[in-house]
């Protein structure tokens, strides 16, 4: 399975990404050197939204769609 996710960073910004291991990736964003450069400076981060997909291509397409959204649209999606 593949996931897209939205993290809320300590500075209240949102980060969108994708992975095939959601738990491991969120942990990496918070503690390891393999987390995204953007989130390393904004720790801790909190998982606020995710979606599951059967294929990587579908997950990547959805990630792109979410990244095109404005902040207000993302906040609406998160609920």
Protein backbone atom coordinates (compact mmCIF):
# COMPACT_ATOMS: atom_id res chain seq x y z
CA UNK A 1 0.00 0.00 0.00
CA UNK A 2 0.99 3.61 -0.55
CA UNK A 3 -0.02 6.64 1.45
CA UNK A 4 -0.19 10.37 1.03
CA UNK A 5 -0.11 12.38 4.20
CA UNK A 6 -0.25 15.88 5.58
CA UNK A 7 1.85 16.90 8.56
CA UNK A 8 1.33 19.96 10.72
CA UNK A 9 4.69 21.43 11.65
CA UNK A 10 5.58 23.21 14.90
CA UNK A 11 5.37 26.57 13.09
CA UNK A 12 1.78 25.69 11.98
CA UNK A 13 2.76 25.16 8.33
CA UNK A 14 1.57 22.07 6.45
CA UNK A 15 3.75 19.52 4.67
CA UNK A 16 2.42 16.97 2.17
CA UNK A 17 4.28 13.79 1.23
CA UNK A 18 3.92 10.17 0.20
CA UNK A 19 5.34 6.86 1.41
CA UNK A 20 4.81 3.12 1.51
CA UNK A 21 5.31 3.00 5.33
CA UNK A 22 3.41 5.80 7.00
CA UNK A 23 4.43 5.15 10.60
CA UNK A 24 8.12 4.88 9.74
CA UNK A 25 8.03 8.01 7.58
CA UNK A 26 6.35 10.19 10.22
CA UNK A 27 8.94 8.99 12.74
CA UNK A 28 11.71 9.88 10.26
CA UNK A 29 10.30 13.38 9.89
CA UNK A 30 10.51 13.83 13.66
CA UNK A 31 13.78 12.20 14.67
CA UNK A 32 16.04 11.04 11.88
CA UNK A 33 18.34 12.67 9.37
CA UNK A 34 16.32 11.08 6.54
CA UNK A 35 13.32 13.31 7.15
CA UNK A 36 12.60 16.03 4.61
CA UNK A 37 14.76 19.14 4.84
CA UNK A 38 11.62 21.25 5.24
CA UNK A 39 10.43 19.40 8.34
CA UNK A 40 13.85 19.10 10.01
CA UNK A 41 13.73 22.79 10.88
CA UNK A 42 10.08 22.62 11.97
CA UNK A 43 9.99 19.73 14.42
CA UNK A 44 8.02 18.29 16.00
CA UNK A 45 5.54 17.45 13.28
CA UNK A 46 2.15 15.81 13.74
CA UNK A 47 0.28 13.62 11.28
CA UNK A 48 -3.08 15.31 10.66
CA UNK A 49 -4.33 13.54 7.51
CA UNK A 50 -3.66 10.51 5.34
CA UNK A 51 -5.13 8.52 2.46
CA UNK A 52 -4.30 4.96 1.37
CA UNK A 53 -3.79 3.77 -2.23
CA UNK A 54 -3.12 0.43 -3.89
CA UNK A 55 -0.62 1.82 -6.39
CA UNK A 56 2.23 4.28 -6.19
CA UNK A 57 1.02 6.11 -9.29
CA UNK A 58 -2.39 6.82 -7.74
CA UNK A 59 -0.76 8.03 -4.54
CA UNK A 60 1.61 10.31 -6.46
CA UNK A 61 -1.27 11.75 -8.48
CA UNK A 62 -3.20 12.54 -5.30
CA UNK A 63 -0.11 14.02 -3.66
CA UNK A 64 0.28 16.36 -6.63
CA UNK A 65 -3.41 17.35 -6.40
CA UNK A 66 -3.08 18.19 -2.71
CA UNK A 67 0.13 20.14 -3.27
CA UNK A 68 -1.74 22.31 -5.78
CA UNK A 69 -4.36 23.25 -3.15
CA UNK A 70 -4.22 26.49 -1.25
CA UNK A 71 -3.81 26.34 2.51
CA UNK A 72 -7.52 26.93 3.15
CA UNK A 73 -8.45 24.00 0.93
CA UNK A 74 -5.99 21.75 2.77
CA UNK A 75 -7.38 22.81 6.13
CA UNK A 76 -10.87 22.00 4.88
CA UNK A 77 -9.66 18.57 3.73
CA UNK A 78 -8.10 17.90 7.12
CA UNK A 79 -11.35 18.86 8.80
